[in-house]
């Protein structure tokens, strides 16, 4: 295997931890601190009526962060193969993205309806 690919895989693996910790941080700020600035989409754009949408966004962030950290820990403890942990990580990240998109679309729809 080429050296650049090995280093790229290592970089991707190390990136799991800051992503997971960041997601858990957002969930904690929403749930424990009631800081609705973190009720936002994946780009950081605020969702209107953040208090109403706080729990779904907190749940999405909590589940995504816990899932990413679980994958990272399983790689360290059990030695998950590359195809398995990279696929699981991709599934978690894409699910996170689409779940937040659903919340954003529902928030927009709720804002425009009477």
N, C-alpha and C. Protein backbone atom coordinates (compact mmCIF):
# COMPACT_ATOMS: atom_id res chain seq x y z
N UNK A 1 0.85 -1.18 0.00
CA UNK A 1 0.00 0.00 0.00
C UNK A 1 0.89 1.24 0.00
N UNK A 2 0.47 2.23 -0.72
CA UNK A 2 1.27 3.45 -0.81
C UNK A 2 1.30 4.20 0.51
N UNK A 3 2.42 4.84 0.76
CA UNK A 3 2.59 5.58 2.01
C UNK A 3 1.58 6.71 2.16
N UNK A 4 1.26 7.40 1.07
CA UNK A 4 0.33 8.53 1.16
C UNK A 4 -1.05 8.07 1.60
N UNK A 5 -1.45 6.88 1.15
CA UNK A 5 -2.76 6.37 1.54
C UNK A 5 -2.80 6.00 3.02
N UNK A 6 -1.73 5.44 3.51
CA UNK A 6 -1.66 5.09 4.93
C UNK A 6 -1.76 6.35 5.78
N UNK A 7 -1.06 7.40 5.37
CA UNK A 7 -1.12 8.65 6.14
C UNK A 7 -2.48 9.31 6.02
N UNK A 8 -3.11 9.19 4.85
CA UNK A 8 -4.46 9.73 4.68
C UNK A 8 -5.45 8.98 5.58
N UNK A 9 -5.32 7.65 5.65
CA UNK A 9 -6.20 6.86 6.52
C UNK A 9 -5.98 7.23 7.99
N UNK A 10 -4.75 7.43 8.37
CA UNK A 10 -4.47 7.83 9.76
C UNK A 10 -5.07 9.20 10.06
N UNK A 11 -4.95 10.11 9.12
CA UNK A 11 -5.53 11.45 9.29
C UNK A 11 -7.04 11.37 9.40
N UNK A 12 -7.66 10.53 8.57
CA UNK A 12 -9.11 10.36 8.66
C UNK A 12 -9.50 9.78 10.01
N UNK A 13 -8.73 8.83 10.51
CA UNK A 13 -9.04 8.23 11.80
C UNK A 13 -8.91 9.25 12.92
N UNK A 14 -7.86 10.02 12.91
CA UNK A 14 -7.67 11.04 13.95
C UNK A 14 -8.79 12.08 13.89
N UNK A 15 -9.31 12.36 12.69
CA UNK A 15 -10.38 13.33 12.52
C UNK A 15 -11.70 12.90 13.13
N UNK A 16 -11.86 11.60 13.37
CA UNK A 16 -13.10 11.12 13.99
C UNK A 16 -13.30 11.74 15.37
N UNK A 17 -12.23 11.85 16.13
CA UNK A 17 -12.35 12.30 17.51
C UNK A 17 -12.75 13.77 17.64
N UNK A 18 -12.13 14.72 16.91
CA UNK A 18 -12.61 16.10 17.03
C UNK A 18 -14.04 16.28 16.53
N UNK A 19 -14.41 15.55 15.47
CA UNK A 19 -15.79 15.64 15.00
C UNK A 19 -16.78 15.15 16.05
N UNK A 20 -16.49 14.00 16.62
CA UNK A 20 -17.39 13.44 17.64
C UNK A 20 -17.47 14.31 18.88
N UNK A 21 -16.32 14.81 19.33
CA UNK A 21 -16.30 15.68 20.50
C UNK A 21 -17.05 16.98 20.22
N UNK A 22 -16.89 17.52 19.01
CA UNK A 22 -17.61 18.74 18.64
C UNK A 22 -19.11 18.54 18.63
N UNK A 23 -19.55 17.40 18.13
CA UNK A 23 -20.99 17.12 18.12
C UNK A 23 -21.53 16.97 19.55
N UNK A 24 -20.79 16.26 20.39
CA UNK A 24 -21.22 16.11 21.78
C UNK A 24 -21.20 17.45 22.52
N UNK A 25 -20.23 18.31 22.19
CA UNK A 25 -20.17 19.64 22.79
C UNK A 25 -21.42 20.44 22.43
N UNK A 26 -21.82 20.39 21.15
CA UNK A 26 -23.02 21.11 20.74
C UNK A 26 -24.26 20.57 21.45
N UNK A 27 -24.35 19.25 21.56
CA UNK A 27 -25.50 18.66 22.25
C UNK A 27 -25.51 19.09 23.72
N UNK A 28 -24.35 19.11 24.34
CA UNK A 28 -24.27 19.53 25.75
C UNK A 28 -24.64 20.99 25.91
N UNK A 29 -24.16 21.86 25.01
CA UNK A 29 -24.49 23.28 25.11
C UNK A 29 -25.98 23.52 24.94
N UNK A 30 -26.62 22.74 24.07
CA UNK A 30 -28.06 22.90 23.86
C UNK A 30 -28.83 22.35 25.06
N UNK A 31 -28.46 21.17 25.53
CA UNK A 31 -29.23 20.51 26.59
C UNK A 31 -28.95 21.05 27.97
N UNK A 32 -27.70 21.17 28.34
CA UNK A 32 -27.36 21.56 29.71
C UNK A 32 -27.36 23.08 29.89
N UNK A 33 -26.87 23.80 28.93
CA UNK A 33 -26.76 25.26 29.05
C UNK A 33 -27.91 26.03 28.42
N UNK A 34 -28.76 25.31 27.67
CA UNK A 34 -29.86 25.93 26.94
C UNK A 34 -29.37 27.09 26.09
N UNK A 35 -28.28 26.86 25.42
CA UNK A 35 -27.68 27.86 24.52
C UNK A 35 -28.18 27.56 23.11
N UNK A 36 -29.16 28.32 22.67
CA UNK A 36 -29.82 28.04 21.40
C UNK A 36 -29.04 28.56 20.20
N UNK A 37 -27.87 29.14 20.44
CA UNK A 37 -27.00 29.51 19.32
C UNK A 37 -26.48 28.27 18.60
N UNK A 38 -26.49 27.15 19.28
CA UNK A 38 -25.99 25.90 18.70
C UNK A 38 -27.08 25.10 18.01
N UNK A 39 -28.29 25.60 18.00
CA UNK A 39 -29.37 24.98 17.24
C UNK A 39 -29.22 25.50 15.81
N UNK A 40 -28.43 24.76 15.05
CA UNK A 40 -28.06 25.21 13.72
C UNK A 40 -27.89 24.02 12.80
N UNK A 41 -27.83 24.31 11.50
CA UNK A 41 -27.58 23.24 10.55
C UNK A 41 -26.09 22.90 10.54
N UNK A 42 -25.69 22.03 9.66
CA UNK A 42 -24.30 21.56 9.65
C UNK A 42 -23.31 22.66 9.27
N UNK A 43 -23.78 23.72 8.64
CA UNK A 43 -22.91 24.85 8.30
C UNK A 43 -22.82 25.88 9.41
N UNK A 44 -23.64 25.75 10.41
CA UNK A 44 -23.64 26.71 11.51
C UNK A 44 -24.68 27.80 11.36
N UNK A 45 -25.53 27.71 10.33
CA UNK A 45 -26.60 28.70 10.16
C UNK A 45 -27.71 28.40 11.15
N UNK A 46 -28.12 29.41 11.89
CA UNK A 46 -29.12 29.23 12.95
C UNK A 46 -30.46 28.80 12.37
N UNK A 47 -31.14 27.97 13.12
CA UNK A 47 -32.50 27.55 12.77
C UNK A 47 -33.45 28.48 13.51
N UNK A 48 -34.41 29.04 12.77
CA UNK A 48 -35.39 29.94 13.38
C UNK A 48 -36.17 29.20 14.47
N UNK A 49 -36.52 29.92 15.51
CA UNK A 49 -37.24 29.35 16.66
C UNK A 49 -36.43 28.20 17.25
N UNK A 50 -35.20 28.53 17.64
CA UNK A 50 -34.26 27.53 18.13
C UNK A 50 -34.76 26.75 19.33
N UNK A 51 -35.54 27.38 20.18
CA UNK A 51 -36.04 26.69 21.37
C UNK A 51 -36.95 25.53 20.98
N UNK A 52 -37.74 25.71 19.95
CA UNK A 52 -38.66 24.66 19.51
C UNK A 52 -37.91 23.47 18.93
N UNK A 53 -36.82 23.73 18.22
CA UNK A 53 -36.09 22.68 17.52
C UNK A 53 -34.85 22.22 18.29
N UNK A 54 -34.72 22.63 19.53
CA UNK A 54 -33.52 22.30 20.31
C UNK A 54 -33.38 20.80 20.56
N UNK A 55 -34.46 20.13 20.94
CA UNK A 55 -34.34 18.71 21.28
C UNK A 55 -34.01 17.82 20.08
N UNK A 56 -34.64 18.03 18.92
CA UNK A 56 -34.21 17.21 17.77
C UNK A 56 -32.75 17.44 17.38
N UNK A 57 -32.32 18.69 17.38
CA UNK A 57 -30.93 18.99 17.02
C UNK A 57 -29.98 18.44 18.08
N UNK A 58 -30.37 18.53 19.35
CA UNK A 58 -29.54 17.98 20.42
C UNK A 58 -29.43 16.46 20.27
N UNK A 59 -30.51 15.80 19.96
CA UNK A 59 -30.49 14.36 19.76
C UNK A 59 -29.64 13.94 18.59
N UNK A 60 -29.72 14.68 17.50
CA UNK A 60 -28.92 14.37 16.31
C UNK A 60 -27.44 14.55 16.63
N UNK A 61 -27.10 15.65 17.28
CA UNK A 61 -25.70 15.88 17.65
C UNK A 61 -25.20 14.84 18.65
N UNK A 62 -26.02 14.50 19.63
CA UNK A 62 -25.61 13.51 20.62
C UNK A 62 -25.40 12.14 20.01
N UNK A 63 -26.33 11.72 19.17
CA UNK A 63 -26.21 10.40 18.54
C UNK A 63 -25.02 10.36 17.58
N UNK A 64 -24.84 11.42 16.80
CA UNK A 64 -23.70 11.45 15.88
C UNK A 64 -22.37 11.45 16.60
N UNK A 65 -22.26 12.26 17.64
CA UNK A 65 -21.01 12.32 18.39
C UNK A 65 -20.70 11.02 19.10
N UNK A 66 -21.72 10.43 19.72
CA UNK A 66 -21.51 9.15 20.41
C UNK A 66 -21.15 8.05 19.42
N UNK A 67 -21.79 8.07 18.26
CA UNK A 67 -21.48 7.07 17.24
C UNK A 67 -20.06 7.18 16.72
N UNK A 68 -19.61 8.40 16.46
CA UNK A 68 -18.24 8.59 15.97
C UNK A 68 -17.22 8.18 17.02
N UNK A 69 -17.45 8.58 18.27
CA UNK A 69 -16.50 8.20 19.31
C UNK A 69 -16.52 6.69 19.55
N UNK A 70 -17.67 6.06 19.43
CA UNK A 70 -17.75 4.61 19.57
C UNK A 70 -16.94 3.92 18.48
N UNK A 71 -17.06 4.39 17.25
CA UNK A 71 -16.27 3.81 16.16
C UNK A 71 -14.78 3.98 16.43
N UNK A 72 -14.38 5.18 16.84
CA UNK A 72 -12.97 5.42 17.13
C UNK A 72 -12.44 4.54 18.24
N UNK A 73 -13.22 4.37 19.29
CA UNK A 73 -12.80 3.53 20.41
C UNK A 73 -12.74 2.07 20.00
N UNK A 74 -13.71 1.63 19.18
CA UNK A 74 -13.68 0.24 18.72
C UNK A 74 -12.48 -0.04 17.82
N UNK A 75 -12.07 0.95 17.05
CA UNK A 75 -10.86 0.76 16.24
C UNK A 75 -9.66 0.56 17.15
N UNK A 76 -9.58 1.33 18.21
CA UNK A 76 -8.44 1.22 19.12
C UNK A 76 -8.47 -0.08 19.94
N UNK A 77 -9.66 -0.46 20.41
CA UNK A 77 -9.76 -1.63 21.28
C UNK A 77 -9.82 -2.96 20.52
N UNK A 78 -10.62 -3.01 19.49
CA UNK A 78 -10.87 -4.26 18.78
C UNK A 78 -10.05 -4.36 17.50
N UNK A 79 -9.71 -3.21 16.91
CA UNK A 79 -8.97 -3.21 15.66
C UNK A 79 -9.88 -3.43 14.46
N UNK A 80 -10.96 -2.65 14.39
CA UNK A 80 -11.86 -2.78 13.24
C UNK A 80 -11.08 -2.58 11.95
N UNK A 81 -11.40 -3.34 10.92
CA UNK A 81 -10.72 -3.15 9.64
C UNK A 81 -11.08 -1.80 9.01
N UNK A 82 -10.22 -1.34 8.12
CA UNK A 82 -10.38 -0.03 7.50
C UNK A 82 -11.73 0.11 6.81
N UNK A 83 -12.13 -0.89 6.04
CA UNK A 83 -13.39 -0.80 5.30
C UNK A 83 -14.57 -0.66 6.25
N UNK A 84 -14.52 -1.32 7.38
CA UNK A 84 -15.62 -1.27 8.34
C UNK A 84 -15.70 0.07 9.05
N UNK A 85 -14.58 0.57 9.59
CA UNK A 85 -14.65 1.82 10.34
C UNK A 85 -14.85 3.02 9.43
N UNK A 86 -14.27 2.99 8.23
CA UNK A 86 -14.48 4.12 7.32
C UNK A 86 -15.91 4.16 6.81
N UNK A 87 -16.49 2.97 6.56
CA UNK A 87 -17.89 2.92 6.14
C UNK A 87 -18.83 3.35 7.24
N UNK A 88 -18.57 2.90 8.47
CA UNK A 88 -19.42 3.30 9.60
C UNK A 88 -19.32 4.81 9.84
N UNK A 89 -18.12 5.34 9.73
CA UNK A 89 -17.93 6.78 9.91
C UNK A 89 -18.68 7.56 8.84
N UNK A 90 -18.58 7.11 7.60
CA UNK A 90 -19.30 7.78 6.51
C UNK A 90 -20.80 7.72 6.73
N UNK A 91 -21.30 6.57 7.15
CA UNK A 91 -22.73 6.43 7.41
C UNK A 91 -23.19 7.39 8.51
N UNK A 92 -22.41 7.52 9.55
CA UNK A 92 -22.77 8.41 10.65
C UNK A 92 -22.76 9.87 10.19
N UNK A 93 -21.72 10.26 9.47
CA UNK A 93 -21.61 11.65 9.03
C UNK A 93 -22.72 12.01 8.05
N UNK A 94 -23.00 11.12 7.10
CA UNK A 94 -24.07 11.41 6.14
C UNK A 94 -25.44 11.38 6.81
N UNK A 95 -25.65 10.50 7.76
CA UNK A 95 -26.92 10.48 8.49
C UNK A 95 -27.09 11.76 9.29
N UNK A 96 -26.01 12.23 9.90
CA UNK A 96 -26.02 13.49 10.63
C UNK A 96 -26.44 14.64 9.70
N UNK A 97 -25.82 14.69 8.54
CA UNK A 97 -26.11 15.75 7.57
C UNK A 97 -27.58 15.72 7.14
N UNK A 98 -28.08 14.54 6.75
CA UNK A 98 -29.45 14.46 6.26
C UNK A 98 -30.47 14.66 7.38
N UNK A 99 -30.17 14.21 8.58
CA UNK A 99 -31.09 14.44 9.69
C UNK A 99 -31.20 15.93 10.01
N UNK A 100 -30.08 16.63 10.00
CA UNK A 100 -30.14 18.09 10.22
C UNK A 100 -30.87 18.78 9.07
N UNK A 101 -30.70 18.29 7.86
CA UNK A 101 -31.43 18.87 6.73
C UNK A 101 -32.94 18.70 6.92
N UNK A 102 -33.36 17.54 7.41
CA UNK A 102 -34.78 17.33 7.67
C UNK A 102 -35.30 18.33 8.71
N UNK A 103 -34.55 18.54 9.75
CA UNK A 103 -34.98 19.48 10.79
C UNK A 103 -35.06 20.89 10.21
N UNK A 104 -34.08 21.28 9.42
CA UNK A 104 -34.09 22.61 8.82
C UNK A 104 -35.29 22.78 7.90
N UNK A 105 -35.59 21.78 7.09
CA UNK A 105 -36.74 21.87 6.19
C UNK A 105 -38.06 21.93 6.97
N UNK A 106 -38.17 21.14 8.02
CA UNK A 106 -39.38 21.20 8.83
C UNK A 106 -39.52 22.54 9.54
N UNK A 107 -38.40 23.10 9.98
CA UNK A 107 -38.45 24.41 10.64
C UNK A 107 -38.88 25.49 9.65
N UNK A 108 -38.37 25.41 8.44
CA UNK A 108 -38.78 26.39 7.42
C UNK A 108 -40.25 26.24 7.07
N UNK A 109 -40.69 25.01 6.96
CA UNK A 109 -42.10 24.76 6.62
C UNK A 109 -43.00 25.24 7.76
N UNK A 110 -42.60 25.04 8.99
CA UNK A 110 -43.40 25.49 10.14
C UNK A 110 -43.42 27.01 10.23
N UNK A 111 -42.33 27.64 9.80
CA UNK A 111 -42.26 29.10 9.85
C UNK A 111 -43.16 29.74 8.82
N UNK A 112 -43.30 29.13 7.65
CA UNK A 112 -44.09 29.73 6.57
C UNK A 112 -45.57 29.41 6.69
N UNK A 113 -45.92 28.31 7.37
CA UNK A 113 -47.34 27.96 7.49
C UNK A 113 -47.99 28.81 8.59
N UNK A 114 -49.28 29.09 8.42
CA UNK A 114 -49.98 29.96 9.39
C UNK A 114 -50.21 29.34 10.72
